[in-house]
Amino acid sequence: MSYTLDLQKIADELDFDLEDVEMLLEVFLEGANDSMNELKSAIEVNDFESMYKLAHAIKGSAANLTLKEISSIALEIEQNARNKEIFDYQKSYKKLEELLSAIED
């Protein structure tokens, strides 16, 4: 999967220096990877409350960095988990996982 970030565009949108965006992205990825591990476990046991909280955190952090696609998928998980809906959480999790790993590459 190709997910290319224009770090300069993000820096311009946020009115930050490029170095600040790189640092924030690194911090985001560390936190997101931790949350993703917990989210995977929550999905496996249908822990809707944890899925909701973890997806909410990922969504917010991604939105703060203008990572709209990641934020949007996390929002899907968040809304469905909040409502305890039957939903393909694994599929959305996989999409998130692919997008996050594409950023790290």
PDB file of N, CA and C in Angstrom:
ATOM      1  N   MET A   1       0.852  -1.180   0.000  1.00  0.00           N
ATOM      2  CA  MET A   1       0.000   0.000   0.000  1.00  0.00           C
ATOM      3  C   MET A   1       0.892   1.236   0.000  1.00  0.00           C
ATOM      4  N   SER A   2       0.527   2.170  -0.822  1.00  0.00           N
ATOM      5  CA  SER A   2       1.281   3.407  -0.901  1.00  0.00           C
ATOM      6  C   SER A   2       0.532   4.509  -0.169  1.00  0.00           C
ATOM      7  N   TYR A   3       1.157   5.059   0.816  1.00  0.00           N
ATOM      8  CA  TYR A   3       0.572   6.150   1.589  1.00  0.00           C
ATOM      9  C   TYR A   3       1.685   7.151   1.821  1.00  0.00           C
ATOM     10  N   THR A   4       1.759   8.127   0.949  1.00  0.00           N
ATOM     11  CA  THR A   4       2.846   9.083   1.005  1.00  0.00           C
ATOM     12  C   THR A   4       2.375  10.340   1.710  1.00  0.00           C
ATOM     13  N   LEU A   5       3.162  10.767   2.654  1.00  0.00           N
ATOM     14  CA  LEU A   5       2.854  11.999   3.371  1.00  0.00           C
ATOM     15  C   LEU A   5       3.698  13.132   2.821  1.00  0.00           C
ATOM     16  N   ASP A   6       3.063  14.263   2.638  1.00  0.00           N
ATOM     17  CA  ASP A   6       3.772  15.475   2.269  1.00  0.00           C
ATOM     18  C   ASP A   6       4.014  16.243   3.568  1.00  0.00           C
ATOM     19  N   LEU A   7       5.166  15.982   4.174  1.00  0.00           N
ATOM     20  CA  LEU A   7       5.455  16.577   5.474  1.00  0.00           C
ATOM     21  C   LEU A   7       5.499  18.100   5.414  1.00  0.00           C
ATOM     22  N   GLN A   8       5.957  18.636   4.301  1.00  0.00           N
ATOM     23  CA  GLN A   8       5.994  20.089   4.175  1.00  0.00           C
ATOM     24  C   GLN A   8       4.578  20.663   4.140  1.00  0.00           C
ATOM     25  N   LYS A   9       3.680  19.972   3.468  1.00  0.00           N
ATOM     26  CA  LYS A   9       2.277  20.423   3.416  1.00  0.00           C
ATOM     27  C   LYS A   9       1.668  20.392   4.816  1.00  0.00           C
ATOM     28  N   ILE A  10       1.942  19.328   5.555  1.00  0.00           N
ATOM     29  CA  ILE A  10       1.443  19.232   6.929  1.00  0.00           C
ATOM     30  C   ILE A  10       2.020  20.371   7.761  1.00  0.00           C
ATOM     31  N   ALA A  11       3.314  20.616   7.615  1.00  0.00           N
ATOM     32  CA  ALA A  11       3.957  21.702   8.360  1.00  0.00           C
ATOM     33  C   ALA A  11       3.301  23.042   8.024  1.00  0.00           C
ATOM     34  N   ASP A  12       3.031  23.264   6.754  1.00  0.00           N
ATOM     35  CA  ASP A  12       2.390  24.514   6.335  1.00  0.00           C
ATOM     36  C   ASP A  12       0.984  24.632   6.918  1.00  0.00           C
ATOM     37  N   GLU A  13       0.221  23.532   6.869  1.00  0.00           N
ATOM     38  CA  GLU A  13      -1.144  23.543   7.400  1.00  0.00           C
ATOM     39  C   GLU A  13      -1.161  23.824   8.899  1.00  0.00           C
ATOM     40  N   LEU A  14      -0.193  23.265   9.600  1.00  0.00           N
ATOM     41  CA  LEU A  14      -0.141  23.423  11.058  1.00  0.00           C
ATOM     42  C   LEU A  14       0.660  24.644  11.492  1.00  0.00           C
ATOM     43  N   ASP A  15       1.306  25.290  10.531  1.00  0.00           N
ATOM     44  CA  ASP A  15       2.184  26.434  10.804  1.00  0.00           C
ATOM     45  C   ASP A  15       3.322  26.036  11.750  1.00  0.00           C
ATOM     46  N   PHE A  16       3.930  24.878  11.442  1.00  0.00           N
ATOM     47  CA  PHE A  16       5.063  24.351  12.200  1.00  0.00           C
ATOM     48  C   PHE A  16       6.271  24.256  11.292  1.00  0.00           C
ATOM     49  N   ASP A  17       7.428  24.121  11.919  1.00  0.00           N
ATOM     50  CA  ASP A  17       8.636  23.819  11.154  1.00  0.00           C
ATOM     51  C   ASP A  17       8.586  22.354  10.741  1.00  0.00           C
ATOM     52  N   LEU A  18       9.270  22.039   9.649  1.00  0.00           N
ATOM     53  CA  LEU A  18       9.323  20.661   9.158  1.00  0.00           C
ATOM     54  C   LEU A  18       9.880  19.720  10.228  1.00  0.00           C
ATOM     55  N   GLU A  19      10.888  20.161  10.946  1.00  0.00           N
ATOM     56  CA  GLU A  19      11.501  19.330  11.994  1.00  0.00           C
ATOM     57  C   GLU A  19      10.495  19.022  13.101  1.00  0.00           C
ATOM     58  N   ASP A  20       9.648  20.009  13.424  1.00  0.00           N
ATOM     59  CA  ASP A  20       8.628  19.781  14.452  1.00  0.00           C
ATOM     60  C   ASP A  20       7.626  18.724  13.996  1.00  0.00           C
ATOM     61  N   VAL A  21       7.230  18.793  12.735  1.00  0.00           N
ATOM     62  CA  VAL A  21       6.282  17.813  12.189  1.00  0.00           C
ATOM     63  C   VAL A  21       6.904  16.425  12.199  1.00  0.00           C
ATOM     64  N   GLU A  22       8.163  16.321  11.828  1.00  0.00           N
ATOM     65  CA  GLU A  22       8.835  15.018  11.846  1.00  0.00           C
ATOM     66  C   GLU A  22       8.853  14.444  13.252  1.00  0.00           C
ATOM     67  N   MET A  23       9.129  15.286  14.247  1.00  0.00           N
ATOM     68  CA  MET A  23       9.159  14.842  15.640  1.00  0.00           C
ATOM     69  C   MET A  23       7.756  14.435  16.104  1.00  0.00           C
ATOM     70  N   LEU A  24       6.753  15.245  15.766  1.00  0.00           N
ATOM     71  CA  LEU A  24       5.381  14.925  16.154  1.00  0.00           C
ATOM     72  C   LEU A  24       4.901  13.632  15.495  1.00  0.00           C
ATOM     73  N   LEU A  25       5.287  13.435  14.258  1.00  0.00           N
ATOM     74  CA  LEU A  25       4.909  12.209  13.551  1.00  0.00           C
ATOM     75  C   LEU A  25       5.545  10.993  14.224  1.00  0.00           C
ATOM     76  N   GLU A  26       6.784  11.128  14.633  1.00  0.00           N
ATOM     77  CA  GLU A  26       7.461  10.033  15.324  1.00  0.00           C
ATOM     78  C   GLU A  26       6.755   9.700  16.637  1.00  0.00           C
ATOM     79  N   VAL A  27       6.394  10.724  17.395  1.00  0.00           N
ATOM     80  CA  VAL A  27       5.679  10.516  18.655  1.00  0.00           C
ATOM     81  C   VAL A  27       4.306   9.886  18.380  1.00  0.00           C
ATOM     82  N   PHE A  28       3.626  10.384  17.343  1.00  0.00           N
ATOM     83  CA  PHE A  28       2.329   9.822  16.968  1.00  0.00           C
ATOM     84  C   PHE A  28       2.451   8.332  16.657  1.00  0.00           C
ATOM     85  N   LEU A  29       3.445   7.979  15.856  1.00  0.00           N
ATOM     86  CA  LEU A  29       3.603   6.581  15.452  1.00  0.00           C
ATOM     87  C   LEU A  29       3.896   5.682  16.643  1.00  0.00           C
ATOM     88  N   GLU A  30       4.699   6.155  17.575  1.00  0.00           N
ATOM     89  CA  GLU A  30       4.981   5.353  18.774  1.00  0.00           C
ATOM     90  C   GLU A  30       3.692   5.099  19.554  1.00  0.00           C
ATOM     91  N   GLY A  31       2.933   6.158  19.775  1.00  0.00           N
ATOM     92  CA  GLY A  31       1.672   6.013  20.508  1.00  0.00           C
ATOM     93  C   GLY A  31       0.656   5.182  19.751  1.00  0.00           C
ATOM     94  N   ALA A  32       0.571   5.404  18.442  1.00  0.00           N
ATOM     95  CA  ALA A  32      -0.386   4.664  17.618  1.00  0.00           C
ATOM     96  C   ALA A  32      -0.050   3.178  17.612  1.00  0.00           C
ATOM     97  N   ASN A  33       1.230   2.845  17.539  1.00  0.00           N
ATOM     98  CA  ASN A  33       1.612   1.429  17.541  1.00  0.00           C
ATOM     99  C   ASN A  33       1.235   0.762  18.859  1.00  0.00           C
ATOM    100  N   ASP A  34       1.431   1.466  19.968  1.00  0.00           N
ATOM    101  CA  ASP A  34       1.010   0.931  21.271  1.00  0.00           C
ATOM    102  C   ASP A  34      -0.504   0.734  21.293  1.00  0.00           C
ATOM    103  N   SER A  35      -1.221   1.758  20.836  1.00  0.00           N
ATOM    104  CA  SER A  35      -2.685   1.680  20.818  1.00  0.00           C
ATOM    105  C   SER A  35      -3.169   0.582  19.887  1.00  0.00           C
ATOM    106  N   MET A  36      -2.490   0.399  18.768  1.00  0.00           N
ATOM    107  CA  MET A  36      -2.887  -0.636  17.816  1.00  0.00           C
ATOM    108  C   MET A  36      -2.751  -2.027  18.424  1.00  0.00           C
ATOM    109  N   ASN A  37      -1.700  -2.260  19.200  1.00  0.00           N
ATOM    110  CA  ASN A  37      -1.545  -3.554  19.866  1.00  0.00           C
ATOM    111  C   ASN A  37      -2.703  -3.809  20.823  1.00  0.00           C
ATOM    112  N   GLU A  38      -3.076  -2.773  21.573  1.00  0.00           N
ATOM    113  CA  GLU A  38      -4.197  -2.909  22.503  1.00  0.00           C
ATOM    114  C   GLU A  38      -5.516  -3.047  21.748  1.00  0.00           C
ATOM    115  N   LEU A  39      -5.653  -2.306  20.647  1.00  0.00           N
ATOM    116  CA  LEU A  39      -6.875  -2.374  19.846  1.00  0.00           C
ATOM    117  C   LEU A  39      -7.063  -3.771  19.267  1.00  0.00           C
ATOM    118  N   LYS A  40      -5.995  -4.368  18.810  1.00  0.00           N
ATOM    119  CA  LYS A  40      -6.071  -5.729  18.265  1.00  0.00           C
ATOM    120  C   LYS A  40      -6.612  -6.687  19.317  1.00  0.00           C
ATOM    121  N   SER A  41      -6.091  -6.580  20.528  1.00  0.00           N
ATOM    122  CA  SER A  41      -6.558  -7.445  21.616  1.00  0.00           C
ATOM    123  C   SER A  41      -8.021  -7.179  21.945  1.00  0.00           C
ATOM    124  N   ALA A  42      -8.413  -5.915  21.959  1.00  0.00           N
ATOM    125  CA  ALA A  42      -9.800  -5.555  22.264  1.00  0.00           C
ATOM    126  C   ALA A  42     -10.748  -6.100  21.199  1.00  0.00           C
ATOM    127  N   ILE A  43     -10.334  -6.026  19.947  1.00  0.00           N
ATOM    128  CA  ILE A  43     -11.164  -6.551  18.853  1.00  0.00           C
ATOM    129  C   ILE A  43     -11.322  -8.058  18.983  1.00  0.00           C
ATOM    130  N   GLU A  44     -10.247  -8.740  19.343  1.00  0.00           N
ATOM    131  CA  GLU A  44     -10.287 -10.198  19.461  1.00  0.00           C
ATOM    132  C   GLU A  44     -11.286 -10.676  20.508  1.00  0.00           C
ATOM    133  N   VAL A  45     -11.500  -9.869  21.557  1.00  0.00           N
ATOM    134  CA  VAL A  45     -12.422 -10.285  22.634  1.00  0.00           C
ATOM    135  C   VAL A  45     -13.718  -9.462  22.642  1.00  0.00           C
ATOM    136  N   ASN A  46     -13.958  -8.681  21.578  1.00  0.00           N
ATOM    137  CA  ASN A  46     -15.158  -7.844  21.476  1.00  0.00           C
ATOM    138  C   ASN A  46     -15.340  -6.913  22.672  1.00  0.00           C
ATOM    139  N   ASP A  47     -14.245  -6.304  23.104  1.00  0.00           N
ATOM    140  CA  ASP A  47     -14.282  -5.327  24.199  1.00  0.00           C
ATOM    141  C   ASP A  47     -14.599  -3.958  23.589  1.00  0.00           C
ATOM    142  N   PHE A  48     -15.903  -3.681  23.458  1.00  0.00           N
ATOM    143  CA  PHE A  48     -16.343  -2.469  22.769  1.00  0.00           C
ATOM    144  C   PHE A  48     -15.852  -1.190  23.442  1.00  0.00           C
ATOM    145  N   GLU A  49     -15.854  -1.178  24.763  1.00  0.00           N
ATOM    146  CA  GLU A  49     -15.408   0.026  25.491  1.00  0.00           C
ATOM    147  C   GLU A  49     -13.942   0.343  25.180  1.00  0.00           C
ATOM    148  N   SER A  50     -13.091  -0.666  25.215  1.00  0.00           N
ATOM    149  CA  SER A  50     -11.677  -0.452  24.897  1.00  0.00           C
ATOM    150  C   SER A  50     -11.489  -0.091  23.432  1.00  0.00           C
ATOM    151  N   MET A  51     -12.245  -0.770  22.549  1.00  0.00           N
ATOM    152  CA  MET A  51     -12.146  -0.431  21.124  1.00  0.00           C
ATOM    153  C   MET A  51     -12.509   1.031  20.912  1.00  0.00           C
ATOM    154  N   TYR A  52     -13.569   1.471  21.554  1.00  0.00           N
ATOM    155  CA  TYR A  52     -14.018   2.856  21.430  1.00  0.00           C
ATOM    156  C   TYR A  52     -12.924   3.829  21.890  1.00  0.00           C
ATOM    157  N   LYS A  53     -12.395   3.591  23.071  1.00  0.00           N
ATOM    158  CA  LYS A  53     -11.396   4.506  23.645  1.00  0.00           C
ATOM    159  C   LYS A  53     -10.110   4.542  22.813  1.00  0.00           C
ATOM    160  N   LEU A  54      -9.646   3.387  22.400  1.00  0.00           N
ATOM    161  CA  LEU A  54      -8.404   3.314  21.627  1.00  0.00           C
ATOM    162  C   LEU A  54      -8.564   3.948  20.250  1.00  0.00           C
ATOM    163  N   ALA A  55      -9.676   3.644  19.584  1.00  0.00           N
ATOM    164  CA  ALA A  55      -9.925   4.235  18.274  1.00  0.00           C
ATOM    165  C   ALA A  55     -10.088   5.748  18.389  1.00  0.00           C
ATOM    166  N   HIS A  56     -10.727   6.193  19.461  1.00  0.00           N
ATOM    167  CA  HIS A  56     -10.906   7.629  19.696  1.00  0.00           C
ATOM    168  C   HIS A  56      -9.549   8.323  19.831  1.00  0.00           C
ATOM    169  N   ALA A  57      -8.645   7.704  20.567  1.00  0.00           N
ATOM    170  CA  ALA A  57      -7.308   8.278  20.763  1.00  0.00           C
ATOM    171  C   ALA A  57      -6.537   8.341  19.447  1.00  0.00           C
ATOM    172  N   ILE A  58      -6.590   7.264  18.680  1.00  0.00           N
ATOM    173  CA  ILE A  58      -5.897   7.236  17.387  1.00  0.00           C
ATOM    174  C   ILE A  58      -6.496   8.291  16.462  1.00  0.00           C
ATOM    175  N   LYS A  59      -7.818   8.357  16.436  1.00  0.00           N
ATOM    176  CA  LYS A  59      -8.507   9.328  15.579  1.00  0.00           C
ATOM    177  C   LYS A  59      -8.073  10.756  15.912  1.00  0.00           C
ATOM    178  N   GLY A  60      -8.075  11.084  17.176  1.00  0.00           N
ATOM    179  CA  GLY A  60      -7.722  12.439  17.585  1.00  0.00           C
ATOM    180  C   GLY A  60      -6.281  12.799  17.272  1.00  0.00           C
ATOM    181  N   SER A  61      -5.388  11.885  17.566  1.00  0.00           N
ATOM    182  CA  SER A  61      -3.967  12.131  17.292  1.00  0.00           C
ATOM    183  C   SER A  61      -3.716  12.277  15.797  1.00  0.00           C
ATOM    184  N   ALA A  62      -4.357  11.432  15.001  1.00  0.00           N
ATOM    185  CA  ALA A  62      -4.195  11.507  13.546  1.00  0.00           C
ATOM    186  C   ALA A  62      -4.775  12.814  13.012  1.00  0.00           C
ATOM    187  N   ALA A  63      -5.929  13.195  13.525  1.00  0.00           N
ATOM    188  CA  ALA A  63      -6.558  14.441  13.076  1.00  0.00           C
ATOM    189  C   ALA A  63      -5.690  15.646  13.407  1.00  0.00           C
ATOM    190  N   ASN A  64      -5.042  15.616  14.562  1.00  0.00           N
ATOM    191  CA  ASN A  64      -4.158  16.730  14.944  1.00  0.00           C
ATOM    192  C   ASN A  64      -3.005  16.906  13.962  1.00  0.00           C
ATOM    193  N   LEU A  65      -2.619  15.824  13.312  1.00  0.00           N
ATOM    194  CA  LEU A  65      -1.535  15.882  12.320  1.00  0.00           C
ATOM    195  C   LEU A  65      -2.078  15.922  10.884  1.00  0.00           C
ATOM    196  N   THR A  66      -3.353  16.154  10.746  1.00  0.00           N
ATOM    197  CA  THR A  66      -4.046  16.213   9.452  1.00  0.00           C
ATOM    198  C   THR A  66      -3.923  14.910   8.660  1.00  0.00           C
ATOM    199  N   LEU A  67      -3.843  13.788   9.350  1.00  0.00           N
ATOM    200  CA  LEU A  67      -3.791  12.467   8.712  1.00  0.00           C
ATOM    201  C   LEU A  67      -5.229  11.984   8.558  1.00  0.00           C
ATOM    202  N   LYS A  68      -5.897  12.535   7.555  1.00  0.00           N
ATOM    203  CA  LYS A  68      -7.334  12.369   7.403  1.00  0.00           C
ATOM    204  C   LYS A  68      -7.773  10.923   7.172  1.00  0.00           C
ATOM    205  N   GLU A  69      -7.039  10.176   6.388  1.00  0.00           N
ATOM    206  CA  GLU A  69      -7.441   8.799   6.091  1.00  0.00           C
ATOM    207  C   GLU A  69      -7.369   7.933   7.346  1.00  0.00           C
ATOM    208  N   ILE A  70      -6.318   8.089   8.109  1.00  0.00           N
ATOM    209  CA  ILE A  70      -6.171   7.328   9.353  1.00  0.00           C
ATOM    210  C   ILE A  70      -7.265   7.742  10.338  1.00  0.00           C
ATOM    211  N   SER A  71      -7.480   9.026  10.461  1.00  0.00           N
ATOM    212  CA  SER A  71      -8.502   9.543  11.362  1.00  0.00           C
ATOM    213  C   SER A  71      -9.889   9.025  10.988  1.00  0.00           C
ATOM    214  N   SER A  72     -10.174   8.982   9.711  1.00  0.00           N
ATOM    215  CA  SER A  72     -11.480   8.536   9.219  1.00  0.00           C
ATOM    216  C   SER A  72     -11.739   7.061   9.540  1.00  0.00           C
ATOM    217  N   ILE A  73     -10.742   6.224   9.344  1.00  0.00           N
ATOM    218  CA  ILE A  73     -10.912   4.797   9.634  1.00  0.00           C
ATOM    219  C   ILE A  73     -11.060   4.571  11.135  1.00  0.00           C
ATOM    220  N   ALA A  74     -10.269   5.290  11.912  1.00  0.00           N
ATOM    221  CA  ALA A  74     -10.386   5.180  13.369  1.00  0.00           C
ATOM    222  C   ALA A  74     -11.767   5.645  13.828  1.00  0.00           C
ATOM    223  N   LEU A  75     -12.309   6.667  13.175  1.00  0.00           N
ATOM    224  CA  LEU A  75     -13.652   7.145  13.495  1.00  0.00           C
ATOM    225  C   LEU A  75     -14.695   6.060  13.239  1.00  0.00           C
ATOM    226  N   GLU A  76     -14.547   5.316  12.137  1.00  0.00           N
ATOM    227  CA  GLU A  76     -15.470   4.203  11.856  1.00  0.00           C
ATOM    228  C   GLU A  76     -15.477   3.192  12.994  1.00  0.00           C
ATOM    229  N   ILE A  77     -14.297   2.831  13.437  1.00  0.00           N
ATOM    230  CA  ILE A  77     -14.185   1.868  14.543  1.00  0.00           C
ATOM    231  C   ILE A  77     -14.800   2.466  15.801  1.00  0.00           C
ATOM    232  N   GLU A  78     -14.447   3.709  16.081  1.00  0.00           N
ATOM    233  CA  GLU A  78     -14.941   4.383  17.283  1.00  0.00           C
ATOM    234  C   GLU A  78     -16.478   4.411  17.325  1.00  0.00           C
ATOM    235  N   GLN A  79     -17.093   4.862  16.249  1.00  0.00           N
ATOM    236  CA  GLN A  79     -18.548   4.992  16.227  1.00  0.00           C
ATOM    237  C   GLN A  79     -19.245   3.645  16.346  1.00  0.00           C
ATOM    238  N   ASN A  80     -18.749   2.657  15.631  1.00  0.00           N
ATOM    239  CA  ASN A  80     -19.367   1.336  15.691  1.00  0.00           C
ATOM    240  C   ASN A  80     -19.186   0.687  17.056  1.00  0.00           C
ATOM    241  N   ALA A  81     -18.014   0.852  17.645  1.00  0.00           N
ATOM    242  CA  ALA A  81     -17.771   0.269  18.969  1.00  0.00           C
ATOM    243  C   ALA A  81     -18.619   0.972  20.029  1.00  0.00           C
ATOM    244  N   ARG A  82     -18.745   2.295  19.911  1.00  0.00           N
ATOM    245  CA  ARG A  82     -19.559   3.037  20.882  1.00  0.00           C
ATOM    246  C   ARG A  82     -20.999   2.520  20.870  1.00  0.00           C
ATOM    247  N   ASN A  83     -21.491   2.200  19.682  1.00  0.00           N
ATOM    248  CA  ASN A  83     -22.861   1.709  19.535  1.00  0.00           C
ATOM    249  C   ASN A  83     -22.970   0.188  19.619  1.00  0.00           C
ATOM    250  N   LYS A  84     -21.841  -0.456  19.877  1.00  0.00           N
ATOM    251  CA  LYS A  84     -21.782  -1.925  19.978  1.00  0.00           C
ATOM    252  C   LYS A  84     -22.392  -2.580  18.751  1.00  0.00           C
ATOM    253  N   GLU A  85     -22.058  -2.031  17.594  1.00  0.00           N
ATOM    254  CA  GLU A  85     -22.579  -2.505  16.318  1.00  0.00           C
ATOM    255  C   GLU A  85     -21.801  -3.716  15.816  1.00  0.00           C
ATOM    256  N   ILE A  86     -22.487  -4.551  15.054  1.00  0.00           N
ATOM    257  CA  ILE A  86     -21.806  -5.612  14.325  1.00  0.00           C
ATOM    258  C   ILE A  86     -21.127  -4.926  13.147  1.00  0.00           C
ATOM    259  N   PHE A  87     -19.840  -5.114  13.039  1.00  0.00           N
ATOM    260  CA  PHE A  87     -19.020  -4.373  12.074  1.00  0.00           C
ATOM    261  C   PHE A  87     -17.744  -5.171  11.849  1.00  0.00           C
ATOM    262  N   ASP A  88     -17.159  -5.049  10.685  1.00  0.00           N
ATOM    263  CA  ASP A  88     -15.919  -5.774  10.401  1.00  0.00           C
ATOM    264  C   ASP A  88     -14.737  -4.982  10.972  1.00  0.00           C
ATOM    265  N   TYR A  89     -14.570  -5.091  12.283  1.00  0.00           N
ATOM    266  CA  TYR A  89     -13.498  -4.376  12.972  1.00  0.00           C
ATOM    267  C   TYR A  89     -12.130  -4.824  12.473  1.00  0.00           C
ATOM    268  N   GLN A  90     -12.003  -6.116  12.181  1.00  0.00           N
ATOM    269  CA  GLN A  90     -10.718  -6.646  11.697  1.00  0.00           C
ATOM    270  C   GLN A  90     -10.307  -5.973  10.389  1.00  0.00           C
ATOM    271  N   LYS A  91     -11.248  -5.780   9.500  1.00  0.00           N
ATOM    272  CA  LYS A  91     -10.955  -5.167   8.203  1.00  0.00           C
ATOM    273  C   LYS A  91     -10.468  -3.730   8.393  1.00  0.00           C
ATOM    274  N   SER A  92     -11.146  -2.978   9.230  1.00  0.00           N
ATOM    275  CA  SER A  92     -10.736  -1.598   9.480  1.00  0.00           C
ATOM    276  C   SER A  92      -9.395  -1.554  10.213  1.00  0.00           C
ATOM    277  N   TYR A  93      -9.206  -2.488  11.140  1.00  0.00           N
ATOM    278  CA  TYR A  93      -7.931  -2.577  11.842  1.00  0.00           C
ATOM    279  C   TYR A  93      -6.791  -2.802  10.844  1.00  0.00           C
ATOM    280  N   LYS A  94      -7.016  -3.720   9.897  1.00  0.00           N
ATOM    281  CA  LYS A  94      -5.997  -4.023   8.888  1.00  0.00           C
ATOM    282  C   LYS A  94      -5.669  -2.781   8.052  1.00  0.00           C
ATOM    283  N   LYS A  95      -6.697  -2.014   7.682  1.00  0.00           N
ATOM    284  CA  LYS A  95      -6.472  -0.783   6.922  1.00  0.00           C
ATOM    285  C   LYS A  95      -5.606   0.186   7.721  1.00  0.00           C
ATOM    286  N   LEU A  96      -5.940   0.343   8.996  1.00  0.00           N
ATOM    287  CA  LEU A  96      -5.138   1.225   9.856  1.00  0.00           C
ATOM    288  C   LEU A  96      -3.697   0.739   9.941  1.00  0.00           C
ATOM    289  N   GLU A  97      -3.547  -0.550  10.137  1.00  0.00           N
ATOM    290  CA  GLU A  97      -2.229  -1.155  10.260  1.00  0.00           C
ATOM    291  C   GLU A  97      -1.402  -0.897   8.991  1.00  0.00           C
ATOM    292  N   GLU A  98      -2.036  -1.063   7.836  1.00  0.00           N
ATOM    293  CA  GLU A  98      -1.341  -0.841   6.566  1.00  0.00           C
ATOM    294  C   GLU A  98      -0.936   0.626   6.396  1.00  0.00           C
ATOM    295  N   LEU A  99      -1.834   1.533   6.735  1.00  0.00           N
ATOM    296  CA  LEU A  99      -1.523   2.953   6.606  1.00  0.00           C
ATOM    297  C   LEU A  99      -0.392   3.364   7.548  1.00  0.00           C
ATOM    298  N   LEU A 100      -0.450   2.878   8.770  1.00  0.00           N
ATOM    299  CA  LEU A 100       0.601   3.230   9.725  1.00  0.00           C
ATOM    300  C   LEU A 100       1.944   2.641   9.318  1.00  0.00           C
ATOM    301  N   SER A 101       1.950   1.412   8.846  1.00  0.00           N
ATOM    302  CA  SER A 101       3.226   0.833   8.437  1.00  0.00           C
ATOM    303  C   SER A 101       3.759   1.497   7.174  1.00  0.00           C
ATOM    304  N   ALA A 102       2.878   1.992   6.310  1.00  0.00           N
ATOM    305  CA  ALA A 102       3.323   2.693   5.113  1.00  0.00           C
ATOM    306  C   ALA A 102       4.004   4.016   5.487  1.00  0.00           C
ATOM    307  N   ILE A 103       3.543   4.650   6.543  1.00  0.00           N
ATOM    308  CA  ILE A 103       4.183   5.890   6.998  1.00  0.00           C
ATOM    309  C   ILE A 103       5.590   5.591   7.497  1.00  0.00           C
ATOM    310  N   GLU A 104       5.728   4.489   8.201  1.00  0.00           N
ATOM    311  CA  GLU A 104       7.019   4.138   8.794  1.00  0.00           C
ATOM    312  C   GLU A 104       8.052   3.748   7.733  1.00  0.00           C
ATOM    313  N   ASP A 105       7.600   3.293   6.578  1.00  0.00           N
ATOM    314  CA  ASP A 105       8.535   2.843   5.535  1.00  0.00           C
ATOM    315  C   ASP A 105       9.309   3.982   4.919  1.00  0.00           C
TER     316      ASP A 105
END
